[in-house]
């Protein structure tokens, strides 16, 4: 696989709240430490998993700053910027850079309908930034996306557009990697449901939630090792965690309801607060989460044995 400057497993962090609805800084710091200790190659914030739509601009800056302070530049740091105007995106991106972001991910604003306008929007922001710029491409969850032709053109016409948060299918991802001759570092998503296929397609890495981070890091490193034995073990581990991935990724609401609880349990957070609106857990959903958690902890124990 290509040796991209940025690669590996970059979990997108959950937003944890206090009882008064404010951001829980201690829980966010604990989440950062958990990710670093379990081998994350980098971190990302302000994706859909961070419940970005529930936060004011000031709160989004707060999240960026709290995580940057906890991370202390020990790993590369990606920040998604989804402000509705070009000027607002640029201002937010520059502030995130000052806080410590290494890569800025630009999310398509929902109000832009034509591809030409979106290309101009992204291009102007990218040209004004002094860092690698990524584009979020998520045809499953976002109403506005560039076509593959548009993504290729943006990459070719703007030298610092070198990363993609590419959350299409593995087939689409393979085509895009081929058309950009492996120069666009593509990070796949959707929890890693197609992780092995995406790795074979040539992605730089994965941006999942932190739920099964340790195992996904192991899968990635085994794939990079590339021996028949390592690849067989990577396939086995992916099969082991796939039921958990599928359960969590069926919808963003379900991921936030049960995935965040799954991660909170790993962090040792005994009290769990949510910010409305949210999907309320069911008895069955919690029982399934408990069952999957038990399987995951046994899998982790077997890896360290």
C-alpha atoms as a PDB file:
ATOM      1  CA  UNK A   1       0.000   0.000   0.000  1.00  0.00           C
ATOM      2  CA  UNK A   2       1.204   3.591  -0.615  1.00  0.00           C
ATOM      3  CA  UNK A   3       3.165   5.234   2.206  1.00  0.00           C
ATOM      4  CA  UNK A   4       1.001   8.292   2.805  1.00  0.00           C
ATOM      5  CA  UNK A   5       2.286  11.039   5.163  1.00  0.00           C
ATOM      6  CA  UNK A   6      -0.903  10.601   7.211  1.00  0.00           C
ATOM      7  CA  UNK A   7      -2.230   7.074   7.592  1.00  0.00           C
ATOM      8  CA  UNK A   8      -3.726   4.613  10.046  1.00  0.00           C
ATOM      9  CA  UNK A   9      -6.728   4.581  12.374  1.00  0.00           C
ATOM     10  CA  UNK A  10      -7.974   8.077  13.291  1.00  0.00           C
ATOM     11  CA  UNK A  11     -10.992   7.717  15.620  1.00  0.00           C
ATOM     12  CA  UNK A  12     -13.550  10.511  15.559  1.00  0.00           C
ATOM     13  CA  UNK A  13     -14.294  11.423  19.154  1.00  0.00           C
ATOM     14  CA  UNK A  14     -17.670  11.403  20.854  1.00  0.00           C
ATOM     15  CA  UNK A  15     -18.871  14.503  22.684  1.00  0.00           C
ATOM     16  CA  UNK A  16     -19.422  13.767  26.374  1.00  0.00           C
ATOM     17  CA  UNK A  17     -21.591  16.072  28.482  1.00  0.00           C
ATOM     18  CA  UNK A  18     -22.018  17.011  32.119  1.00  0.00           C
ATOM     19  CA  UNK A  19     -25.383  16.984  33.880  1.00  0.00           C
ATOM     20  CA  UNK A  20     -25.861  20.666  33.012  1.00  0.00           C
ATOM     21  CA  UNK A  21     -25.433  19.931  29.289  1.00  0.00           C
ATOM     22  CA  UNK A  22     -21.994  21.522  28.966  1.00  0.00           C
ATOM     23  CA  UNK A  23     -19.036  19.684  27.493  1.00  0.00           C
ATOM     24  CA  UNK A  24     -17.410  17.298  29.987  1.00  0.00           C
ATOM     25  CA  UNK A  25     -13.735  18.230  29.710  1.00  0.00           C
ATOM     26  CA  UNK A  26     -12.566  15.416  31.990  1.00  0.00           C
ATOM     27  CA  UNK A  27     -14.392  12.806  29.919  1.00  0.00           C
ATOM     28  CA  UNK A  28     -12.987  14.281  26.696  1.00  0.00           C
ATOM     29  CA  UNK A  29      -9.457  14.120  28.112  1.00  0.00           C
ATOM     30  CA  UNK A  30     -10.053  10.510  29.175  1.00  0.00           C
ATOM     31  CA  UNK A  31     -11.235   9.677  25.662  1.00  0.00           C
ATOM     32  CA  UNK A  32      -8.080  11.197  24.157  1.00  0.00           C
ATOM     33  CA  UNK A  33      -5.874   9.169  26.517  1.00  0.00           C
ATOM     34  CA  UNK A  34      -7.817   6.002  25.736  1.00  0.00           C
ATOM     35  CA  UNK A  35      -7.257   6.502  22.025  1.00  0.00           C
ATOM     36  CA  UNK A  36      -3.543   7.246  22.405  1.00  0.00           C
ATOM     37  CA  UNK A  37      -2.977   4.297  24.732  1.00  0.00           C
ATOM     38  CA  UNK A  38      -4.774   1.907  22.377  1.00  0.00           C
ATOM     39  CA  UNK A  39      -2.646   2.822  19.400  1.00  0.00           C
ATOM     40  CA  UNK A  40      -4.604   5.459  17.465  1.00  0.00           C
ATOM     41  CA  UNK A  41      -2.415   6.884  14.707  1.00  0.00           C
ATOM     42  CA  UNK A  42      -4.278  10.216  14.914  1.00  0.00           C
ATOM     43  CA  UNK A  43      -7.528  11.766  16.152  1.00  0.00           C
ATOM     44  CA  UNK A  44     -10.440  13.605  14.559  1.00  0.00           C
ATOM     45  CA  UNK A  45     -13.258  15.754  15.939  1.00  0.00           C
ATOM     46  CA  UNK A  46     -16.457  17.454  14.761  1.00  0.00           C
ATOM     47  CA  UNK A  47     -17.765  14.631  12.625  1.00  0.00           C
ATOM     48  CA  UNK A  48     -21.343  13.375  12.831  1.00  0.00           C
ATOM     49  CA  UNK A  49     -20.281  11.142  15.742  1.00  0.00           C
ATOM     50  CA  UNK A  50     -19.240  14.284  17.652  1.00  0.00           C
ATOM     51  CA  UNK A  51     -22.888  15.414  17.372  1.00  0.00           C
ATOM     52  CA  UNK A  52     -21.605  18.501  15.617  1.00  0.00           C
ATOM     53  CA  UNK A  53     -25.094  19.747  14.747  1.00  0.00           C
ATOM     54  CA  UNK A  54     -25.967  20.143  18.440  1.00  0.00           C
ATOM     55  CA  UNK A  55     -23.173  22.626  19.140  1.00  0.00           C
ATOM     56  CA  UNK A  56     -22.822  26.369  18.695  1.00  0.00           C
ATOM     57  CA  UNK A  57     -19.753  27.731  16.913  1.00  0.00           C
ATOM     58  CA  UNK A  58     -18.243  28.568  20.300  1.00  0.00           C
ATOM     59  CA  UNK A  59     -18.823  25.028  21.563  1.00  0.00           C
ATOM     60  CA  UNK A  60     -17.215  23.565  18.460  1.00  0.00           C
ATOM     61  CA  UNK A  61     -14.158  25.718  19.114  1.00  0.00           C
ATOM     62  CA  UNK A  62     -14.273  24.513  22.726  1.00  0.00           C
ATOM     63  CA  UNK A  63     -14.180  20.878  21.598  1.00  0.00           C
ATOM     64  CA  UNK A  64     -11.260  21.568  19.249  1.00  0.00           C
ATOM     65  CA  UNK A  65      -9.311  23.287  22.008  1.00  0.00           C
ATOM     66  CA  UNK A  66      -9.977  20.758  24.767  1.00  0.00           C
ATOM     67  CA  UNK A  67      -8.892  17.844  22.572  1.00  0.00           C
ATOM     68  CA  UNK A  68      -5.818  19.690  21.266  1.00  0.00           C
ATOM     69  CA  UNK A  69      -4.734  20.521  24.804  1.00  0.00           C
ATOM     70  CA  UNK A  70      -5.151  16.907  25.901  1.00  0.00           C
ATOM     71  CA  UNK A  71      -3.438  15.527  22.808  1.00  0.00           C
ATOM     72  CA  UNK A  72      -0.369  17.769  23.123  1.00  0.00           C
ATOM     73  CA  UNK A  73       0.624  17.045  19.505  1.00  0.00           C
ATOM     74  CA  UNK A  74       1.379  13.391  20.304  1.00  0.00           C
ATOM     75  CA  UNK A  75      -0.624  12.366  17.243  1.00  0.00           C
ATOM     76  CA  UNK A  76      -1.795  14.139  14.068  1.00  0.00           C
ATOM     77  CA  UNK A  77      -5.079  15.943  14.592  1.00  0.00           C
ATOM     78  CA  UNK A  78      -7.897  16.345  12.043  1.00  0.00           C
ATOM     79  CA  UNK A  79     -10.743  18.824  12.493  1.00  0.00           C
ATOM     80  CA  UNK A  80     -13.901  18.863  10.378  1.00  0.00           C
ATOM     81  CA  UNK A  81     -15.235  22.310   9.442  1.00  0.00           C
ATOM     82  CA  UNK A  82     -18.876  22.523   8.403  1.00  0.00           C
ATOM     83  CA  UNK A  83     -19.692  26.224   8.641  1.00  0.00           C
ATOM     84  CA  UNK A  84     -22.319  27.346   6.092  1.00  0.00           C
ATOM     85  CA  UNK A  85     -20.331  30.070   4.286  1.00  0.00           C
ATOM     86  CA  UNK A  86     -16.877  30.179   2.754  1.00  0.00           C
ATOM     87  CA  UNK A  87     -15.804  33.040   5.027  1.00  0.00           C
ATOM     88  CA  UNK A  88     -17.050  31.207   8.121  1.00  0.00           C
ATOM     89  CA  UNK A  89     -15.348  27.962   7.100  1.00  0.00           C
ATOM     90  CA  UNK A  90     -12.070  29.769   6.562  1.00  0.00           C
ATOM     91  CA  UNK A  91     -12.303  31.607   9.882  1.00  0.00           C
ATOM     92  CA  UNK A  92     -13.106  28.397  11.769  1.00  0.00           C
ATOM     93  CA  UNK A  93     -10.338  26.492   9.990  1.00  0.00           C
ATOM     94  CA  UNK A  94      -7.746  29.149  10.822  1.00  0.00           C
ATOM     95  CA  UNK A  95      -8.765  29.124  14.477  1.00  0.00           C
ATOM     96  CA  UNK A  96      -8.550  25.315  14.512  1.00  0.00           C
ATOM     97  CA  UNK A  97      -5.068  25.551  13.015  1.00  0.00           C
ATOM     98  CA  UNK A  98      -4.012  27.952  15.770  1.00  0.00           C
ATOM     99  CA  UNK A  99      -5.399  25.498  18.328  1.00  0.00           C
ATOM    100  CA  UNK A 100      -3.305  22.650  16.919  1.00  0.00           C
ATOM    101  CA  UNK A 101      -5.142  21.029  14.001  1.00  0.00           C
ATOM    102  CA  UNK A 102      -2.824  19.437  11.434  1.00  0.00           C
ATOM    103  CA  UNK A 103      -5.438  18.654   8.773  1.00  0.00           C
ATOM    104  CA  UNK A 104      -8.659  20.519   8.021  1.00  0.00           C
ATOM    105  CA  UNK A 105     -11.600  18.486   6.681  1.00  0.00           C
ATOM    106  CA  UNK A 106     -14.108  20.579   4.735  1.00  0.00           C
ATOM    107  CA  UNK A 107     -17.722  19.427   4.881  1.00  0.00           C
ATOM    108  CA  UNK A 108     -20.092  20.428   2.050  1.00  0.00           C
ATOM    109  CA  UNK A 109     -22.577  23.121   3.127  1.00  0.00           C
ATOM    110  CA  UNK A 110     -26.159  21.941   2.477  1.00  0.00           C
ATOM    111  CA  UNK A 111     -27.158  25.185   0.743  1.00  0.00           C
ATOM    112  CA  UNK A 112     -24.795  24.761  -2.218  1.00  0.00           C
ATOM    113  CA  UNK A 113     -26.541  22.813  -4.959  1.00  0.00           C
ATOM    114  CA  UNK A 114     -24.327  22.996  -8.061  1.00  0.00           C
ATOM    115  CA  UNK A 115     -21.057  21.117  -8.359  1.00  0.00           C
ATOM    116  CA  UNK A 116     -19.329  24.116  -9.935  1.00  0.00           C
ATOM    117  CA  UNK A 117     -20.253  26.305  -6.958  1.00  0.00           C
ATOM    118  CA  UNK A 118     -19.083  23.654  -4.502  1.00  0.00           C
ATOM    119  CA  UNK A 119     -15.755  23.322  -6.333  1.00  0.00           C
ATOM    120  CA  UNK A 120     -15.243  27.098  -6.109  1.00  0.00           C
ATOM    121  CA  UNK A 121     -16.248  27.060  -2.431  1.00  0.00           C
ATOM    122  CA  UNK A 122     -13.810  24.315  -1.460  1.00  0.00           C
ATOM    123  CA  UNK A 123     -11.053  25.589  -3.744  1.00  0.00           C
ATOM    124  CA  UNK A 124     -11.092  29.087  -2.282  1.00  0.00           C
ATOM    125  CA  UNK A 125     -10.899  27.770   1.275  1.00  0.00           C
ATOM    126  CA  UNK A 126      -8.134  25.290   0.459  1.00  0.00           C
ATOM    127  CA  UNK A 127      -6.039  27.915  -1.314  1.00  0.00           C
ATOM    128  CA  UNK A 128      -6.209  30.179   1.736  1.00  0.00           C
ATOM    129  CA  UNK A 129      -4.977  27.514   4.183  1.00  0.00           C
ATOM    130  CA  UNK A 130      -1.392  26.536   4.974  1.00  0.00           C
ATOM    131  CA  UNK A 131      -2.002  22.851   5.702  1.00  0.00           C
ATOM    132  CA  UNK A 132      -3.251  19.625   4.116  1.00  0.00           C
ATOM    133  CA  UNK A 133      -6.957  19.906   3.326  1.00  0.00           C
ATOM    134  CA  UNK A 134      -9.412  17.020   3.164  1.00  0.00           C
ATOM    135  CA  UNK A 135     -12.902  16.877   1.699  1.00  0.00           C
ATOM    136  CA  UNK A 136     -15.722  14.958   3.357  1.00  0.00           C
ATOM    137  CA  UNK A 137     -17.462  12.709   0.852  1.00  0.00           C
ATOM    138  CA  UNK A 138     -20.353  10.849   2.477  1.00  0.00           C
ATOM    139  CA  UNK A 139     -23.134  10.030   0.003  1.00  0.00           C
ATOM    140  CA  UNK A 140     -24.926   7.937   2.639  1.00  0.00           C
ATOM    141  CA  UNK A 141     -25.379  10.647   5.290  1.00  0.00           C
ATOM    142  CA  UNK A 142     -24.862  14.047   3.642  1.00  0.00           C
ATOM    143  CA  UNK A 143     -27.266  15.679   1.210  1.00  0.00           C
ATOM    144  CA  UNK A 144     -24.515  17.412  -0.791  1.00  0.00           C
ATOM    145  CA  UNK A 145     -21.410  15.724  -2.191  1.00  0.00           C
ATOM    146  CA  UNK A 146     -18.988  16.138  -5.056  1.00  0.00           C
ATOM    147  CA  UNK A 147     -18.955  13.567  -7.836  1.00  0.00           C
ATOM    148  CA  UNK A 148     -15.833  11.498  -8.406  1.00  0.00           C
ATOM    149  CA  UNK A 149     -15.015  13.801 -11.327  1.00  0.00           C
ATOM    150  CA  UNK A 150     -15.317  16.774  -8.998  1.00  0.00           C
ATOM    151  CA  UNK A 151     -13.109  15.215  -6.325  1.00  0.00           C
ATOM    152  CA  UNK A 152     -10.446  14.392  -8.918  1.00  0.00           C
ATOM    153  CA  UNK A 153     -10.571  17.931 -10.320  1.00  0.00           C
ATOM    154  CA  UNK A 154     -10.353  19.513  -6.870  1.00  0.00           C
ATOM    155  CA  UNK A 155      -7.314  17.393  -6.015  1.00  0.00           C
ATOM    156  CA  UNK A 156      -5.565  18.225  -9.298  1.00  0.00           C
ATOM    157  CA  UNK A 157      -6.284  21.954  -9.194  1.00  0.00           C
ATOM    158  CA  UNK A 158      -5.487  22.654  -5.527  1.00  0.00           C
ATOM    159  CA  UNK A 159      -2.124  21.252  -4.354  1.00  0.00           C
ATOM    160  CA  UNK A 160      -2.970  21.014  -0.666  1.00  0.00           C
ATOM    161  CA  UNK A 161      -6.176  18.989  -1.217  1.00  0.00           C
ATOM    162  CA  UNK A 162      -4.319  15.782  -0.447  1.00  0.00           C
ATOM    163  CA  UNK A 163      -6.688  13.909   1.878  1.00  0.00           C
ATOM    164  CA  UNK A 164     -10.241  12.591   1.525  1.00  0.00           C
ATOM    165  CA  UNK A 165     -12.664  11.456   4.181  1.00  0.00           C
ATOM    166  CA  UNK A 166     -14.176   9.056   1.686  1.00  0.00           C
ATOM    167  CA  UNK A 167     -17.283   7.329   2.949  1.00  0.00           C
ATOM    168  CA  UNK A 168     -18.654   5.869  -0.242  1.00  0.00           C
ATOM    169  CA  UNK A 169     -18.489   2.171  -1.055  1.00  0.00           C
ATOM    170  CA  UNK A 170     -15.203   0.291  -1.312  1.00  0.00           C
ATOM    171  CA  UNK A 171     -15.816  -0.079  -5.066  1.00  0.00           C
ATOM    172  CA  UNK A 172     -16.162   3.692  -5.473  1.00  0.00           C
ATOM    173  CA  UNK A 173     -13.120   4.225  -3.262  1.00  0.00           C
ATOM    174  CA  UNK A 174     -10.962   1.924  -5.384  1.00  0.00           C
ATOM    175  CA  UNK A 175     -11.964   3.835  -8.519  1.00  0.00           C
ATOM    176  CA  UNK A 176     -11.141   7.190  -6.937  1.00  0.00           C
ATOM    177  CA  UNK A 177      -7.741   5.978  -5.709  1.00  0.00           C
ATOM    178  CA  UNK A 178      -6.923   4.706  -9.195  1.00  0.00           C
ATOM    179  CA  UNK A 179      -8.016   7.951 -10.848  1.00  0.00           C
ATOM    180  CA  UNK A 180      -5.865  10.044  -8.478  1.00  0.00           C
ATOM    181  CA  UNK A 181      -2.942   7.622  -8.953  1.00  0.00           C
ATOM    182  CA  UNK A 182      -2.685   6.994  -5.222  1.00  0.00           C
ATOM    183  CA  UNK A 183      -1.840  10.609  -4.407  1.00  0.00           C
ATOM    184  CA  UNK A 184      -5.078  11.381  -2.551  1.00  0.00           C
ATOM    185  CA  UNK A 185      -4.896   9.827   0.918  1.00  0.00           C
ATOM    186  CA  UNK A 186      -8.361   8.326   1.353  1.00  0.00           C
ATOM    187  CA  UNK A 187      -9.633   7.581   4.850  1.00  0.00           C
ATOM    188  CA  UNK A 188     -12.687   5.324   4.771  1.00  0.00           C
ATOM    189  CA  UNK A 189     -15.467   5.449   7.353  1.00  0.00           C
ATOM    190  CA  UNK A 190     -18.797   3.886   8.358  1.00  0.00           C
ATOM    191  CA  UNK A 191     -17.229   2.222  11.360  1.00  0.00           C
ATOM    192  CA  UNK A 192     -14.981   0.002   9.255  1.00  0.00           C
ATOM    193  CA  UNK A 193     -17.790  -2.152   7.884  1.00  0.00           C
ATOM    194  CA  UNK A 194     -15.748  -2.596   4.672  1.00  0.00           C
ATOM    195  CA  UNK A 195     -12.346  -2.201   6.316  1.00  0.00           C
ATOM    196  CA  UNK A 196     -10.572  -5.114   4.638  1.00  0.00           C
ATOM    197  CA  UNK A 197     -12.014  -4.279   1.213  1.00  0.00           C
ATOM    198  CA  UNK A 198     -11.004  -0.652   1.639  1.00  0.00           C
ATOM    199  CA  UNK A 199      -7.479  -1.622   2.685  1.00  0.00           C
ATOM    200  CA  UNK A 200      -7.188  -3.775  -0.413  1.00  0.00           C
ATOM    201  CA  UNK A 201      -8.438  -0.803  -2.444  1.00  0.00           C
ATOM    202  CA  UNK A 202      -5.476   1.213  -1.145  1.00  0.00           C
ATOM    203  CA  UNK A 203      -6.906   3.553   1.489  1.00  0.00           C
ATOM    204  CA  UNK A 204      -4.601   5.463   3.817  1.00  0.00           C
ATOM    205  CA  UNK A 205      -6.672   4.432   6.814  1.00  0.00           C
ATOM    206  CA  UNK A 206      -9.989   4.510   8.629  1.00  0.00           C
ATOM    207  CA  UNK A 207     -11.918   7.146  10.588  1.00  0.00           C
ATOM    208  CA  UNK A 208     -14.219   5.130  12.910  1.00  0.00           C
ATOM    209  CA  UNK A 209     -15.728   5.836  16.304  1.00  0.00           C
ATOM    210  CA  UNK A 210     -13.423   4.707  19.157  1.00  0.00           C
ATOM    211  CA  UNK A 211     -15.620   1.687  19.984  1.00  0.00           C
ATOM    212  CA  UNK A 212     -13.303  -1.107  18.787  1.00  0.00           C
ATOM    213  CA  UNK A 213     -10.162   0.971  18.285  1.00  0.00           C
ATOM    214  CA  UNK A 214      -7.601  -1.493  19.632  1.00  0.00           C
ATOM    215  CA  UNK A 215      -8.719  -4.292  17.333  1.00  0.00           C
ATOM    216  CA  UNK A 216      -8.943  -2.031  14.291  1.00  0.00           C
ATOM    217  CA  UNK A 217      -5.413  -0.777  14.943  1.00  0.00           C
ATOM    218  CA  UNK A 218      -4.264  -4.407  15.060  1.00  0.00           C
ATOM    219  CA  UNK A 219      -6.089  -5.178  11.796  1.00  0.00           C
ATOM    220  CA  UNK A 220      -4.454  -2.193  10.097  1.00  0.00           C
ATOM    221  CA  UNK A 221      -0.977  -3.072  11.291  1.00  0.00           C
ATOM    222  CA  UNK A 222      -1.390  -6.726  10.289  1.00  0.00           C
ATOM    223  CA  UNK A 223      -2.497  -5.633   6.827  1.00  0.00           C
ATOM    224  CA  UNK A 224       0.550  -3.396   6.457  1.00  0.00           C
ATOM    225  CA  UNK A 225       2.789  -6.295   7.512  1.00  0.00           C
ATOM    226  CA  UNK A 226       1.388  -8.102   4.495  1.00  0.00           C
ATOM    227  CA  UNK A 227       2.512 -11.685   5.101  1.00  0.00           C
ATOM    228  CA  UNK A 228      -0.012 -14.447   4.381  1.00  0.00           C
ATOM    229  CA  UNK A 229      -0.241 -15.184   8.102  1.00  0.00           C
ATOM    230  CA  UNK A 230      -0.765 -11.519   9.004  1.00  0.00           C
ATOM    231  CA  UNK A 231      -3.427 -11.043   6.335  1.00  0.00           C
ATOM    232  CA  UNK A 232      -5.281 -14.160   7.494  1.00  0.00           C
ATOM    233  CA  UNK A 233      -5.247 -12.877  11.067  1.00  0.00           C
ATOM    234  CA  UNK A 234      -6.479  -9.456   9.923  1.00  0.00           C
ATOM    235  CA  UNK A 235      -9.400 -11.117   8.131  1.00  0.00           C
ATOM    236  CA  UNK A 236     -10.209 -13.169  11.237  1.00  0.00           C
ATOM    237  CA  UNK A 237     -10.209 -10.144  13.522  1.00  0.00           C
ATOM    238  CA  UNK A 238     -12.413  -8.225  11.123  1.00  0.00           C
ATOM    239  CA  UNK A 239     -14.931 -11.081  11.156  1.00  0.00           C
ATOM    240  CA  UNK A 240     -14.838 -11.033  14.969  1.00  0.00           C
ATOM    241  CA  UNK A 241     -15.693  -7.317  15.266  1.00  0.00           C
ATOM    242  CA  UNK A 242     -18.031  -7.078  12.269  1.00  0.00           C
ATOM    243  CA  UNK A 243     -21.232  -7.825  14.281  1.00  0.00           C
ATOM    244  CA  UNK A 244     -20.331  -4.936  16.596  1.00  0.00           C
ATOM    245  CA  UNK A 245     -19.597  -2.607  13.662  1.00  0.00           C
ATOM    246  CA  UNK A 246     -22.870  -3.482  11.932  1.00  0.00           C
ATOM    247  CA  UNK A 247     -24.921  -3.059  15.124  1.00  0.00           C
ATOM    248  CA  UNK A 248     -23.460   0.406  15.761  1.00  0.00           C
ATOM    249  CA  UNK A 249     -23.418   1.770  12.227  1.00  0.00           C
ATOM    250  CA  UNK A 250     -26.994   1.100  11.120  1.00  0.00           C
ATOM    251  CA  UNK A 251     -27.746   4.774  11.792  1.00  0.00           C
ATOM    252  CA  UNK A 252     -26.024   7.777  13.335  1.00  0.00           C
ATOM    253  CA  UNK A 253     -28.688   7.836  16.063  1.00  0.00           C
ATOM    254  CA  UNK A 254     -28.014   4.220  16.987  1.00  0.00           C
ATOM    255  CA  UNK A 255     -24.264   4.800  16.974  1.00  0.00           C
ATOM    256  CA  UNK A 256     -24.677   7.710  19.370  1.00  0.00           C
ATOM    257  CA  UNK A 257     -27.100   5.806  21.586  1.00  0.00           C
ATOM    258  CA  UNK A 258     -25.199   2.554  21.959  1.00  0.00           C
ATOM    259  CA  UNK A 259     -21.733   3.273  20.572  1.00  0.00           C
ATOM    260  CA  UNK A 260     -21.162   6.128  22.971  1.00  0.00           C
ATOM    261  CA  UNK A 261     -22.288   3.928  25.869  1.00  0.00           C
ATOM    262  CA  UNK A 262     -19.918   1.210  24.644  1.00  0.00           C
ATOM    263  CA  UNK A 263     -17.007   3.662  24.635  1.00  0.00           C
ATOM    264  CA  UNK A 264     -18.023   5.266  27.946  1.00  0.00           C
ATOM    265  CA  UNK A 265     -17.835   1.835  29.535  1.00  0.00           C
ATOM    266  CA  UNK A 266     -14.284   1.420  28.269  1.00  0.00           C
ATOM    267  CA  UNK A 267     -13.418   4.834  29.718  1.00  0.00           C
ATOM    268  CA  UNK A 268     -14.856   3.888  33.114  1.00  0.00           C
ATOM    269  CA  UNK A 269     -17.524   6.611  32.982  1.00  0.00           C
ATOM    270  CA  UNK A 270     -20.189   5.541  35.456  1.00  0.00           C
ATOM    271  CA  UNK A 271     -22.508   8.501  34.835  1.00  0.00           C
ATOM    272  CA  UNK A 272     -23.759   9.158  31.313  1.00  0.00           C
ATOM    273  CA  UNK A 273     -25.503  12.377  30.234  1.00  0.00           C
ATOM    274  CA  UNK A 274     -27.021  13.182  26.851  1.00  0.00           C
ATOM    275  CA  UNK A 275     -27.961  16.381  25.063  1.00  0.00           C
ATOM    276  CA  UNK A 276     -31.341  16.482  23.310  1.00  0.00           C
ATOM    277  CA  UNK A 277     -32.430  15.435  20.829  1.00  0.00           C
ATOM    278  CA  UNK A 278     -31.231  11.869  21.226  1.00  0.00           C
ATOM    279  CA  UNK A 279     -32.356   8.310  20.594  1.00  0.00           C
ATOM    280  CA  UNK A 280     -33.424   6.695  23.841  1.00  0.00           C
ATOM    281  CA  UNK A 281     -32.012   3.216  24.510  1.00  0.00           C
ATOM    282  CA  UNK A 282     -34.262   0.188  24.703  1.00  0.00           C
ATOM    283  CA  UNK A 283     -33.906  -2.808  26.986  1.00  0.00           C
ATOM    284  CA  UNK A 284     -33.098  -4.983  23.975  1.00  0.00           C
ATOM    285  CA  UNK A 285     -30.549  -2.476  22.643  1.00  0.00           C
ATOM    286  CA  UNK A 286     -28.770  -2.303  25.993  1.00  0.00           C
ATOM    287  CA  UNK A 287     -28.762  -6.104  26.268  1.00  0.00           C
ATOM    288  CA  UNK A 288     -27.204  -6.382  22.802  1.00  0.00           C
ATOM    289  CA  UNK A 289     -24.626  -3.762  23.729  1.00  0.00           C
ATOM    290  CA  UNK A 290     -23.760  -5.750  26.865  1.00  0.00           C
ATOM    291  CA  UNK A 291     -23.434  -8.957  24.851  1.00  0.00           C
ATOM    292  CA  UNK A 292     -21.202  -7.311  22.246  1.00  0.00           C
ATOM    293  CA  UNK A 293     -19.125  -5.667  24.961  1.00  0.00           C
ATOM    294  CA  UNK A 294     -18.505  -9.037  26.576  1.00  0.00           C
ATOM    295  CA  UNK A 295     -17.403 -10.512  23.261  1.00  0.00           C
ATOM    296  CA  UNK A 296     -15.129  -7.548  22.585  1.00  0.00           C
ATOM    297  CA  UNK A 297     -13.413  -7.679  25.978  1.00  0.00           C
ATOM    298  CA  UNK A 298     -12.743 -11.407  25.514  1.00  0.00           C
ATOM    299  CA  UNK A 299     -11.284 -10.666  22.082  1.00  0.00           C
ATOM    300  CA  UNK A 300      -9.001  -7.995  23.550  1.00  0.00           C
ATOM    301  CA  UNK A 301      -7.876 -10.364  26.286  1.00  0.00           C
ATOM    302  CA  UNK A 302      -7.003 -13.004  23.687  1.00  0.00           C
ATOM    303  CA  UNK A 303      -4.850 -10.491  21.790  1.00  0.00           C
ATOM    304  CA  UNK A 304      -2.817  -9.622  24.883  1.00  0.00           C
ATOM    305  CA  UNK A 305      -2.471 -13.208  26.092  1.00  0.00           C
END
